[in-house]
N, C-alpha and C. Protein backbone atom coordinates (compact mmCIF):
# COMPACT_ATOMS: atom_id res chain seq x y z
N MET A 1 10.53 -0.22 -3.75
CA MET A 1 11.65 0.26 -2.95
C MET A 1 12.00 -0.84 -1.97
N TYR A 2 13.17 -1.18 -1.76
CA TYR A 2 13.44 -2.19 -0.65
C TYR A 2 13.90 -1.50 0.59
N GLY A 3 13.08 -1.70 1.71
CA GLY A 3 13.52 -1.33 3.02
C GLY A 3 13.58 0.24 3.23
N SER A 4 12.90 0.99 2.38
CA SER A 4 13.03 2.45 2.50
C SER A 4 11.71 3.00 1.94
N SER A 5 11.88 4.45 1.74
CA SER A 5 10.61 5.06 1.11
C SER A 5 11.16 6.24 0.33
N ALA A 6 10.49 6.71 -0.55
CA ALA A 6 10.87 7.99 -1.27
C ALA A 6 11.22 8.98 -0.27
N PRO A 7 10.37 9.36 0.69
CA PRO A 7 10.65 10.57 1.54
C PRO A 7 11.99 10.26 2.38
N GLN A 8 12.15 9.07 2.66
CA GLN A 8 13.46 8.82 3.52
C GLN A 8 14.75 8.91 2.59
N GLU A 9 14.48 8.45 1.34
CA GLU A 9 15.75 8.76 0.31
C GLU A 9 15.98 10.26 0.17
N ILE A 10 14.85 10.94 -0.04
CA ILE A 10 15.07 12.44 -0.26
C ILE A 10 15.59 13.01 0.95
N SER A 11 15.06 12.71 2.10
CA SER A 11 15.54 13.42 3.41
C SER A 11 17.19 13.01 3.62
N ARG A 12 17.44 11.77 3.20
CA ARG A 12 18.95 11.42 3.43
C ARG A 12 19.76 12.27 2.66
N GLN A 13 19.34 12.86 1.56
CA GLN A 13 20.24 13.92 0.78
C GLN A 13 20.55 15.16 1.64
N ILE A 14 19.73 15.50 2.45
CA ILE A 14 19.78 16.63 3.15
C ILE A 14 19.93 16.50 4.62
N GLY A 15 20.32 15.19 5.06
CA GLY A 15 20.86 14.94 6.39
C GLY A 15 19.59 14.91 7.48
N LEU A 16 18.30 14.62 6.93
CA LEU A 16 17.15 14.47 7.85
C LEU A 16 16.45 13.16 7.75
N GLU A 17 17.31 12.02 7.52
CA GLU A 17 16.62 10.74 7.26
C GLU A 17 15.98 10.31 8.68
N ALA A 18 16.66 10.58 9.84
CA ALA A 18 15.96 10.14 11.08
C ALA A 18 14.65 10.61 11.23
N GLU A 19 14.57 11.91 10.97
CA GLU A 19 13.25 12.59 11.21
C GLU A 19 12.13 11.96 10.31
N THR A 20 12.48 11.69 9.17
CA THR A 20 11.64 11.23 8.24
C THR A 20 11.23 9.61 8.50
N VAL A 21 12.14 8.87 8.96
CA VAL A 21 11.83 7.55 9.55
C VAL A 21 10.82 7.64 10.60
N ALA A 22 10.97 8.51 11.56
CA ALA A 22 10.01 8.79 12.56
C ALA A 22 8.61 9.03 11.98
N LEU A 23 8.51 9.90 11.03
CA LEU A 23 7.26 10.26 10.39
C LEU A 23 6.71 8.91 9.66
N ASP A 24 7.52 8.23 9.03
CA ASP A 24 7.13 7.03 8.34
C ASP A 24 6.55 5.95 9.44
N GLN A 25 7.10 5.94 10.56
CA GLN A 25 6.63 5.00 11.50
C GLN A 25 5.24 5.65 12.17
N ALA A 26 5.16 7.03 12.23
CA ALA A 26 3.94 7.49 12.73
C ALA A 26 2.80 7.30 11.91
N ILE A 27 3.00 7.47 10.60
CA ILE A 27 1.94 7.29 9.65
C ILE A 27 1.56 5.78 9.54
N SER A 28 2.48 4.96 9.53
CA SER A 28 2.24 3.50 9.50
C SER A 28 1.44 3.04 10.71
N ALA A 29 1.59 3.58 11.85
CA ALA A 29 0.94 3.18 13.04
C ALA A 29 -0.39 3.95 13.22
N GLY A 30 -0.75 4.81 12.16
CA GLY A 30 -1.98 5.58 12.19
C GLY A 30 -2.01 6.72 13.19
N ARG A 31 -0.99 7.09 13.65
CA ARG A 31 -0.84 8.30 14.65
C ARG A 31 -0.99 9.57 13.93
N ILE A 32 -0.66 9.59 12.58
CA ILE A 32 -0.83 10.83 11.71
C ILE A 32 -1.40 10.23 10.39
N GLY A 33 -2.16 11.21 9.74
CA GLY A 33 -2.60 10.76 8.33
C GLY A 33 -1.86 11.55 7.21
N PRO A 34 -2.06 11.21 6.09
CA PRO A 34 -1.31 11.89 4.95
C PRO A 34 -1.15 13.35 4.94
N PRO A 35 -2.28 14.15 5.29
CA PRO A 35 -2.04 15.55 5.40
C PRO A 35 -1.06 16.03 6.31
N GLU A 36 -1.17 15.32 7.60
CA GLU A 36 -0.07 15.84 8.58
C GLU A 36 1.34 15.45 8.18
N TYR A 37 1.33 14.17 7.59
CA TYR A 37 2.74 13.83 7.14
C TYR A 37 3.24 14.85 5.95
N ALA A 38 2.34 15.11 5.02
CA ALA A 38 2.82 16.01 4.08
C ALA A 38 3.35 17.36 4.67
N ALA A 39 2.48 17.93 5.56
CA ALA A 39 2.88 19.20 6.13
C ALA A 39 4.13 19.19 6.92
N GLN A 40 4.50 18.09 7.58
CA GLN A 40 5.70 17.92 8.28
C GLN A 40 7.00 17.68 7.43
N VAL A 41 6.75 16.84 6.39
CA VAL A 41 8.00 16.76 5.48
C VAL A 41 8.19 18.01 4.78
N HIS A 42 7.06 18.78 4.38
CA HIS A 42 7.24 20.07 3.63
C HIS A 42 8.10 20.99 4.48
N ALA A 43 7.82 20.99 5.75
CA ALA A 43 8.71 21.86 6.66
C ALA A 43 10.16 21.33 6.81
N LEU A 44 10.41 19.98 6.74
CA LEU A 44 11.68 19.49 6.89
C LEU A 44 12.46 19.83 5.56
N TRP A 45 11.71 19.88 4.54
CA TRP A 45 12.47 20.00 3.23
C TRP A 45 12.52 21.49 2.80
N ALA A 46 12.71 22.39 3.64
CA ALA A 46 12.83 23.70 3.36
C ALA A 46 14.10 24.12 2.40
N ASP A 47 15.20 23.30 2.63
CA ASP A 47 16.33 23.48 1.84
C ASP A 47 16.36 22.56 0.55
N LEU A 48 15.25 21.82 0.38
CA LEU A 48 15.51 20.74 -0.64
C LEU A 48 15.53 21.37 -2.06
N ARG A 49 16.38 20.82 -2.91
CA ARG A 49 16.58 21.29 -4.27
C ARG A 49 16.40 20.18 -5.31
N GLU A 50 16.43 20.50 -6.53
CA GLU A 50 16.01 19.44 -7.56
C GLU A 50 17.22 18.48 -7.63
N GLU A 51 18.44 18.88 -7.30
CA GLU A 51 19.51 17.96 -7.47
C GLU A 51 19.53 16.86 -6.33
N HIS A 52 18.92 17.24 -5.23
CA HIS A 52 18.79 16.38 -4.08
C HIS A 52 17.86 15.24 -4.51
N VAL A 53 16.71 15.69 -5.16
CA VAL A 53 15.74 14.75 -5.54
C VAL A 53 16.32 13.67 -6.60
N ALA A 54 17.00 14.17 -7.66
CA ALA A 54 17.70 13.47 -8.64
C ALA A 54 18.59 12.40 -8.00
N ALA A 55 19.42 12.91 -6.95
CA ALA A 55 20.32 12.12 -6.29
C ALA A 55 19.59 10.94 -5.59
N ALA A 56 18.40 11.32 -4.98
CA ALA A 56 17.66 10.34 -4.18
C ALA A 56 17.06 9.26 -5.08
N PHE A 57 16.63 9.74 -6.21
CA PHE A 57 16.09 8.74 -7.11
C PHE A 57 17.23 7.78 -7.56
N GLU A 58 18.26 8.37 -8.09
CA GLU A 58 19.38 7.53 -8.58
C GLU A 58 19.86 6.57 -7.53
N GLY A 59 19.94 6.99 -6.34
CA GLY A 59 20.55 6.19 -5.16
C GLY A 59 19.56 5.30 -4.35
N ALA A 60 18.37 5.47 -4.69
CA ALA A 60 17.37 4.71 -3.98
C ALA A 60 17.54 3.00 -3.94
N PRO A 61 17.15 2.39 -3.16
CA PRO A 61 17.30 0.82 -3.08
C PRO A 61 16.12 0.28 -3.93
N TRP A 62 16.02 0.56 -5.23
CA TRP A 62 15.00 -0.11 -5.93
C TRP A 62 15.09 -1.52 -6.06
N LEU A 63 13.83 -2.14 -6.18
CA LEU A 63 13.83 -3.53 -6.65
C LEU A 63 14.48 -3.83 -7.94
N SER A 64 15.08 -4.76 -8.13
CA SER A 64 15.65 -5.16 -9.55
C SER A 64 14.41 -5.58 -10.26
N GLY A 65 14.52 -5.47 -11.68
CA GLY A 65 13.48 -5.94 -12.62
C GLY A 65 12.50 -5.11 -12.86
N ILE A 66 12.35 -3.99 -12.31
CA ILE A 66 11.24 -3.10 -12.57
C ILE A 66 11.07 -2.67 -14.07
N GLU A 67 12.10 -2.22 -14.75
CA GLU A 67 12.03 -1.99 -16.11
C GLU A 67 11.76 -3.07 -17.14
N ASP A 68 12.17 -4.39 -16.54
CA ASP A 68 11.94 -5.77 -17.32
C ASP A 68 10.46 -6.02 -17.23
N VAL A 69 9.97 -5.85 -15.90
CA VAL A 69 8.36 -6.10 -15.85
C VAL A 69 7.52 -5.15 -16.60
N TRP A 70 7.88 -3.99 -16.60
CA TRP A 70 7.10 -2.94 -17.28
C TRP A 70 7.26 -3.20 -18.72
N ALA A 71 8.35 -3.51 -19.19
CA ALA A 71 8.58 -3.71 -20.72
C ALA A 71 7.71 -5.00 -21.12
N GLU A 72 7.79 -5.95 -20.26
CA GLU A 72 6.89 -7.12 -20.59
C GLU A 72 5.37 -6.79 -20.62
N ILE A 73 4.96 -6.06 -19.60
CA ILE A 73 3.58 -5.58 -19.61
C ILE A 73 3.21 -4.88 -20.76
N ARG A 74 4.10 -3.84 -21.22
CA ARG A 74 3.87 -3.05 -22.44
C ARG A 74 3.79 -3.99 -23.55
N GLY A 75 4.80 -4.88 -23.70
CA GLY A 75 4.84 -5.75 -24.85
C GLY A 75 3.63 -6.67 -25.04
N ASN A 76 2.89 -6.86 -24.03
CA ASN A 76 1.67 -7.65 -24.04
C ASN A 76 0.41 -6.75 -24.40
N GLY A 77 0.78 -5.65 -24.57
CA GLY A 77 -0.48 -4.65 -24.89
C GLY A 77 -1.07 -4.14 -23.60
N ASP A 78 -0.64 -4.39 -22.52
CA ASP A 78 -1.22 -3.93 -21.20
C ASP A 78 -0.64 -2.69 -20.70
N TYR A 79 -1.08 -2.32 -19.58
CA TYR A 79 -0.71 -0.98 -18.97
C TYR A 79 -0.21 -0.99 -17.53
N CYS A 80 0.80 -0.14 -17.26
CA CYS A 80 1.26 -0.18 -15.86
C CYS A 80 1.27 1.22 -15.38
N ALA A 81 0.89 1.45 -14.15
CA ALA A 81 0.85 2.73 -13.62
C ALA A 81 1.27 2.73 -12.16
N VAL A 82 1.75 3.71 -11.66
CA VAL A 82 2.26 3.87 -10.29
C VAL A 82 1.46 5.05 -9.64
N ILE A 83 0.83 4.64 -8.46
CA ILE A 83 0.22 5.68 -7.62
C ILE A 83 0.67 5.48 -6.37
N SER A 84 1.18 6.59 -5.84
CA SER A 84 1.95 6.66 -4.70
C SER A 84 1.62 7.89 -3.72
N LEU A 85 1.74 7.77 -2.53
CA LEU A 85 1.48 8.92 -1.54
C LEU A 85 2.88 9.80 -1.62
N SER A 86 3.92 9.29 -2.12
CA SER A 86 5.10 10.01 -2.20
C SER A 86 5.01 11.19 -3.11
N PRO A 87 5.92 12.21 -3.09
CA PRO A 87 5.89 13.25 -3.80
C PRO A 87 5.80 13.13 -5.26
N SER A 88 4.97 13.76 -6.01
CA SER A 88 4.91 13.66 -7.33
C SER A 88 6.19 13.95 -8.14
N PHE A 89 6.95 14.90 -7.55
CA PHE A 89 8.22 15.37 -8.21
C PHE A 89 9.34 14.01 -8.15
N PHE A 90 8.99 13.15 -7.29
CA PHE A 90 9.82 11.86 -7.33
C PHE A 90 9.21 10.80 -8.08
N VAL A 91 8.00 10.54 -7.92
CA VAL A 91 7.19 9.38 -8.49
C VAL A 91 7.21 9.54 -10.01
N GLU A 92 6.94 10.76 -10.48
CA GLU A 92 6.78 10.94 -11.99
C GLU A 92 7.97 10.63 -12.71
N ARG A 93 9.19 10.43 -12.04
CA ARG A 93 10.44 10.15 -12.75
C ARG A 93 10.32 8.63 -13.30
N LEU A 94 9.37 7.85 -12.69
CA LEU A 94 9.21 6.43 -13.11
C LEU A 94 8.67 6.29 -14.44
N THR A 95 8.05 7.27 -14.99
CA THR A 95 7.63 7.18 -16.51
C THR A 95 8.77 6.87 -17.46
N ALA A 96 9.89 7.38 -16.99
CA ALA A 96 11.08 7.13 -17.93
C ALA A 96 11.56 5.68 -17.88
N TRP A 97 11.03 4.91 -16.90
CA TRP A 97 11.28 3.58 -16.74
C TRP A 97 10.29 2.78 -17.49
N GLY A 98 9.28 3.29 -17.99
CA GLY A 98 8.20 2.52 -18.78
C GLY A 98 6.93 2.45 -18.17
N ALA A 99 6.62 3.27 -17.00
CA ALA A 99 5.24 3.34 -16.61
C ALA A 99 4.36 4.12 -17.55
N HIS A 100 3.17 3.69 -17.72
CA HIS A 100 2.24 4.48 -18.76
C HIS A 100 1.87 5.86 -17.92
N ALA A 101 1.73 5.75 -16.58
CA ALA A 101 1.35 6.85 -15.69
C ALA A 101 1.96 6.93 -14.43
N ALA A 102 2.16 7.97 -13.73
CA ALA A 102 2.73 7.87 -12.41
C ALA A 102 2.17 9.20 -11.69
N TYR A 103 1.60 8.82 -10.50
CA TYR A 103 0.89 9.93 -9.79
C TYR A 103 1.40 9.92 -8.29
N GLY A 104 1.57 11.07 -7.79
CA GLY A 104 2.07 11.22 -6.45
C GLY A 104 1.42 12.31 -5.81
N SER A 105 1.63 12.64 -4.50
CA SER A 105 1.03 13.82 -3.87
C SER A 105 1.75 15.08 -4.46
N ARG A 106 1.10 16.07 -4.66
CA ARG A 106 1.48 17.31 -5.20
C ARG A 106 2.05 18.29 -4.27
N PHE A 107 3.24 18.52 -4.48
CA PHE A 107 3.95 19.66 -3.51
C PHE A 107 4.17 20.79 -4.45
N PRO A 108 4.44 21.88 -3.74
CA PRO A 108 5.05 23.04 -4.63
C PRO A 108 6.28 22.78 -5.46
N ALA A 109 6.53 23.52 -6.33
CA ALA A 109 7.83 23.56 -7.03
C ALA A 109 9.07 23.68 -5.99
N LEU A 110 10.01 23.11 -6.47
CA LEU A 110 11.28 23.29 -5.69
C LEU A 110 12.14 24.44 -6.15
N PRO A 111 12.78 25.11 -5.28
CA PRO A 111 12.77 25.01 -3.81
C PRO A 111 11.42 25.59 -3.31
N PHE A 112 10.87 24.99 -2.32
CA PHE A 112 9.49 25.54 -1.76
C PHE A 112 9.68 27.07 -1.49
N SER A 113 8.61 27.81 -1.98
CA SER A 113 8.48 29.14 -1.66
C SER A 113 6.99 29.38 -1.25
N GLU A 114 6.09 28.29 -1.29
CA GLU A 114 4.73 28.38 -0.80
C GLU A 114 4.47 27.16 -0.14
N PRO A 115 3.29 27.23 0.71
CA PRO A 115 2.91 26.14 1.51
C PRO A 115 2.46 24.94 0.61
N VAL A 116 2.27 23.72 1.29
CA VAL A 116 1.75 22.69 0.49
C VAL A 116 0.19 22.78 0.44
N ASP A 117 -0.29 22.59 -0.66
CA ASP A 117 -1.89 22.49 -0.61
C ASP A 117 -2.22 21.05 -0.27
N LEU A 118 -2.93 20.99 0.88
CA LEU A 118 -3.27 19.64 1.42
C LEU A 118 -4.28 19.03 0.48
N ALA A 119 -5.08 19.66 -0.31
CA ALA A 119 -5.96 19.00 -1.27
C ALA A 119 -5.23 18.23 -2.37
N GLY A 120 -3.95 18.51 -2.58
CA GLY A 120 -3.15 17.59 -3.46
C GLY A 120 -2.52 16.50 -2.99
N ILE A 121 -2.65 16.22 -1.64
CA ILE A 121 -1.99 15.11 -1.09
C ILE A 121 -2.87 13.98 -1.09
N LEU A 122 -2.24 12.83 -1.66
CA LEU A 122 -3.15 11.64 -1.81
C LEU A 122 -3.32 10.73 -0.55
N SER A 123 -4.28 10.03 -0.66
CA SER A 123 -4.70 8.98 0.46
C SER A 123 -4.96 7.71 -0.07
N ALA A 124 -5.29 6.74 0.67
CA ALA A 124 -5.52 5.44 0.34
C ALA A 124 -6.81 5.44 -0.59
N ALA A 125 -7.80 6.15 -0.30
CA ALA A 125 -9.00 6.33 -1.12
C ALA A 125 -8.69 6.93 -2.48
N ALA A 126 -7.78 7.94 -2.47
CA ALA A 126 -7.40 8.62 -3.72
C ALA A 126 -6.86 7.67 -4.62
N LYS A 127 -5.99 6.63 -4.08
CA LYS A 127 -5.48 5.71 -4.97
C LYS A 127 -6.44 4.87 -5.80
N VAL A 128 -7.53 4.55 -5.26
CA VAL A 128 -8.67 3.85 -5.86
C VAL A 128 -9.24 4.79 -6.91
N GLN A 129 -9.48 5.99 -6.61
CA GLN A 129 -10.13 6.92 -7.44
C GLN A 129 -9.36 7.08 -8.67
N ILE A 130 -7.87 7.34 -8.45
CA ILE A 130 -7.05 7.60 -9.69
C ILE A 130 -6.97 6.28 -10.52
N ALA A 131 -6.86 5.05 -9.85
CA ALA A 131 -6.94 3.75 -10.55
C ALA A 131 -8.24 3.72 -11.39
N ASP A 132 -9.34 3.99 -10.78
CA ASP A 132 -10.62 3.95 -11.49
C ASP A 132 -10.55 4.89 -12.73
N ARG A 133 -9.99 6.04 -12.60
CA ARG A 133 -9.94 6.91 -13.74
C ARG A 133 -8.96 6.34 -14.80
N LEU A 134 -7.89 5.74 -14.43
CA LEU A 134 -6.92 5.24 -15.38
C LEU A 134 -7.66 3.98 -16.01
N CYS A 135 -8.40 3.23 -15.32
CA CYS A 135 -9.15 2.05 -15.97
C CYS A 135 -9.93 2.65 -17.17
N GLU A 136 -10.59 3.69 -16.87
CA GLU A 136 -11.39 4.15 -17.88
C GLU A 136 -10.60 4.78 -19.00
N GLU A 137 -9.47 5.42 -18.72
CA GLU A 137 -8.66 6.08 -19.83
C GLU A 137 -7.97 4.82 -20.63
N PHE A 138 -7.53 3.84 -20.07
CA PHE A 138 -7.11 2.67 -20.70
C PHE A 138 -7.96 1.76 -21.33
N GLY A 139 -9.22 1.74 -21.03
CA GLY A 139 -10.22 0.84 -21.63
C GLY A 139 -10.21 -0.38 -20.89
N VAL A 140 -9.99 -0.45 -19.54
CA VAL A 140 -10.03 -1.85 -18.95
C VAL A 140 -10.87 -1.72 -17.81
N THR A 141 -11.17 -2.85 -17.18
CA THR A 141 -12.17 -2.95 -15.92
C THR A 141 -11.19 -3.43 -14.80
N TRP A 142 -11.89 -3.40 -13.67
CA TRP A 142 -11.17 -3.76 -12.38
C TRP A 142 -10.61 -5.27 -12.58
N ALA A 143 -11.51 -6.16 -13.27
CA ALA A 143 -11.31 -7.52 -13.52
C ALA A 143 -9.97 -7.69 -14.32
N ASP A 144 -9.55 -6.67 -15.01
CA ASP A 144 -8.27 -6.70 -15.69
C ASP A 144 -7.16 -6.43 -14.93
N CYS A 145 -7.26 -5.92 -13.84
CA CYS A 145 -6.17 -5.28 -13.00
C CYS A 145 -5.42 -6.17 -11.94
N VAL A 146 -4.33 -5.82 -11.76
CA VAL A 146 -3.45 -6.51 -10.64
C VAL A 146 -2.87 -5.26 -9.87
N ALA A 147 -2.87 -5.24 -8.53
CA ALA A 147 -2.45 -4.35 -7.74
C ALA A 147 -1.28 -4.87 -6.93
N TYR A 148 -0.21 -3.97 -6.91
CA TYR A 148 0.93 -4.29 -6.15
C TYR A 148 1.19 -3.26 -5.07
N GLY A 149 1.47 -3.69 -3.89
CA GLY A 149 1.66 -2.73 -2.74
C GLY A 149 2.30 -3.22 -1.53
N ASP A 150 2.61 -2.26 -0.66
CA ASP A 150 3.46 -2.71 0.50
C ASP A 150 2.73 -2.07 1.84
N SER A 151 1.90 -1.32 1.87
CA SER A 151 1.69 -0.57 3.11
C SER A 151 0.12 -0.28 3.23
N LEU A 152 -0.26 0.28 4.46
CA LEU A 152 -1.59 0.81 4.74
C LEU A 152 -2.17 1.54 3.58
N SER A 153 -1.40 2.40 2.73
CA SER A 153 -2.07 3.17 1.83
C SER A 153 -2.62 2.27 0.68
N ASP A 154 -2.15 1.07 0.68
CA ASP A 154 -2.64 0.14 -0.54
C ASP A 154 -3.88 -0.70 -0.07
N LYS A 155 -4.26 -0.65 1.08
CA LYS A 155 -5.36 -1.35 1.63
C LYS A 155 -6.65 -1.26 0.93
N ASP A 156 -6.98 0.02 0.61
CA ASP A 156 -8.35 0.18 -0.15
C ASP A 156 -8.20 -0.39 -1.56
N LEU A 157 -7.09 -0.09 -2.21
CA LEU A 157 -7.00 -0.58 -3.55
C LEU A 157 -6.89 -2.34 -3.48
N PHE A 158 -6.38 -2.94 -2.50
CA PHE A 158 -6.28 -4.29 -2.38
C PHE A 158 -7.66 -4.76 -2.21
N GLU A 159 -8.58 -4.08 -1.50
CA GLU A 159 -9.94 -4.41 -1.25
C GLU A 159 -10.77 -4.25 -2.69
N THR A 160 -10.27 -3.59 -3.48
CA THR A 160 -11.04 -3.30 -4.76
C THR A 160 -10.70 -4.09 -5.90
N VAL A 161 -9.33 -4.38 -6.16
CA VAL A 161 -8.87 -4.96 -7.32
C VAL A 161 -8.89 -6.44 -6.87
N PRO A 162 -9.35 -7.42 -7.95
CA PRO A 162 -9.63 -8.75 -7.66
C PRO A 162 -8.22 -9.55 -7.40
N VAL A 163 -7.13 -9.12 -8.05
CA VAL A 163 -5.87 -9.78 -7.95
C VAL A 163 -4.85 -8.75 -7.27
N SER A 164 -4.19 -9.17 -6.35
CA SER A 164 -3.20 -8.30 -5.70
C SER A 164 -1.94 -9.08 -5.13
N VAL A 165 -0.73 -8.22 -5.13
CA VAL A 165 0.44 -8.82 -4.61
C VAL A 165 1.10 -7.90 -3.83
N ALA A 166 1.26 -8.44 -2.45
CA ALA A 166 1.93 -7.85 -1.32
C ALA A 166 3.42 -7.99 -1.50
N VAL A 167 4.15 -6.88 -1.74
CA VAL A 167 5.50 -6.94 -1.99
C VAL A 167 6.18 -6.30 -0.73
N ASN A 168 6.96 -7.22 0.00
CA ASN A 168 7.61 -6.76 1.27
C ASN A 168 6.66 -5.97 1.99
N ALA A 169 5.51 -6.35 2.24
CA ALA A 169 4.44 -5.57 2.79
C ALA A 169 4.49 -5.68 4.44
N ASP A 170 3.81 -4.52 4.91
CA ASP A 170 3.73 -4.56 6.38
C ASP A 170 2.37 -5.35 6.73
N ARG A 171 2.19 -5.29 8.08
CA ARG A 171 1.00 -6.04 8.66
C ARG A 171 -0.44 -5.63 8.15
N HIS A 172 -0.56 -4.39 7.60
CA HIS A 172 -1.75 -3.95 7.15
C HIS A 172 -2.40 -4.61 5.91
N LEU A 173 -1.49 -5.26 5.09
CA LEU A 173 -2.02 -6.15 4.02
C LEU A 173 -2.21 -7.48 4.18
N ALA A 174 -1.79 -8.02 5.45
CA ALA A 174 -1.79 -9.36 5.76
C ALA A 174 -3.28 -9.93 5.59
N GLY A 175 -3.32 -10.94 4.87
CA GLY A 175 -4.78 -11.51 4.62
C GLY A 175 -5.62 -11.02 3.58
N LEU A 176 -5.12 -9.81 3.04
CA LEU A 176 -5.79 -9.08 1.99
C LEU A 176 -5.23 -9.58 0.44
N ALA A 177 -3.88 -9.85 0.40
CA ALA A 177 -3.33 -10.00 -0.90
C ALA A 177 -3.67 -11.38 -1.50
N THR A 178 -3.78 -11.55 -2.83
CA THR A 178 -3.87 -12.90 -3.36
C THR A 178 -2.58 -13.51 -3.42
N HIS A 179 -1.61 -12.86 -3.55
CA HIS A 179 -0.06 -13.32 -3.37
C HIS A 179 0.69 -12.52 -2.52
N SER A 180 1.67 -13.10 -2.04
CA SER A 180 2.60 -12.44 -1.11
C SER A 180 4.01 -12.68 -1.53
N TYR A 181 4.98 -11.63 -1.64
CA TYR A 181 6.37 -11.85 -2.09
C TYR A 181 7.16 -11.08 -1.07
N VAL A 182 8.27 -11.60 -0.75
CA VAL A 182 9.38 -11.07 0.10
C VAL A 182 10.58 -11.15 -0.73
N GLY A 183 11.20 -10.05 -0.97
CA GLY A 183 12.64 -10.11 -1.74
C GLY A 183 12.95 -8.82 -2.30
N ARG A 184 13.89 -8.92 -3.38
CA ARG A 184 14.34 -7.62 -4.01
C ARG A 184 14.18 -7.66 -5.58
N ASP A 185 13.42 -8.61 -6.13
CA ASP A 185 13.29 -8.64 -7.51
C ASP A 185 11.88 -8.60 -7.81
N LEU A 186 11.53 -7.51 -8.56
CA LEU A 186 10.03 -7.28 -9.04
C LEU A 186 9.45 -8.46 -9.90
N TRP A 187 10.51 -8.97 -10.68
CA TRP A 187 10.09 -10.03 -11.56
C TRP A 187 9.62 -11.25 -11.00
N ASP A 188 10.22 -11.49 -9.87
CA ASP A 188 9.69 -12.69 -9.05
C ASP A 188 8.33 -12.55 -8.53
N ALA A 189 8.17 -11.22 -8.08
CA ALA A 189 6.67 -10.99 -7.61
C ALA A 189 5.86 -11.09 -8.79
N TYR A 190 6.15 -10.53 -9.94
CA TYR A 190 5.41 -10.52 -11.23
C TYR A 190 5.07 -12.02 -11.65
N GLU A 191 5.91 -12.91 -11.61
CA GLU A 191 5.90 -14.32 -11.85
C GLU A 191 4.85 -14.95 -11.10
N LEU A 192 4.52 -14.51 -9.79
CA LEU A 192 3.42 -15.07 -9.04
C LEU A 192 2.11 -14.85 -9.74
N VAL A 193 1.94 -13.93 -10.37
CA VAL A 193 0.64 -13.59 -11.17
C VAL A 193 0.76 -14.44 -12.47
N ARG A 194 1.83 -14.39 -13.05
CA ARG A 194 1.90 -14.92 -14.31
C ARG A 194 1.62 -16.51 -14.39
N ARG A 195 2.17 -17.12 -13.24
CA ARG A 195 1.99 -18.53 -13.03
C ARG A 195 0.57 -18.90 -12.73
N ALA A 196 -0.05 -17.98 -12.06
CA ALA A 196 -1.41 -18.16 -11.76
C ALA A 196 -2.51 -18.09 -12.94
N LEU A 197 -2.11 -17.43 -13.89
CA LEU A 197 -3.10 -17.28 -15.11
C LEU A 197 -3.31 -18.47 -15.89
């Protein structure tokens, strides 16, 4: 996503984007962690409905070329997965675009009628654990993997996977990525890895 986040796009649908931008800034600065973030957006989203999430997903400023890149990866017999701290009810929609798997933080069913279970909220370390399970499931090793990311929550993954691409990344990934890309087309970021092979 370019210049936004799934929670921001979701909150925009119910008029609470500014509050979520402030939370995104707080987690990026390390003032709060994923559990506190999740608890606060859960409270903000008391009136959230499935139609808001669908509109947020459709209207989000996605990078272009996502489906093309994933089709190319699939066509080569390889696998693509998305692991995000964003809500699973948003992230899992990406399987329709060609991702083999999509994992996000687990929130209660919409509309919320119960509290968020913080045990289901992902962290940077959880991204590595999920990726490790996916490697086993897909029959690949870390040496076969390329990680794409943009923020602090990708730091652990970038330190684990041998090839990584920072895409419109913040300062937390500076110096960690094998490649760095700034722009709006995932195909161009993907080309950085293809040219290096």
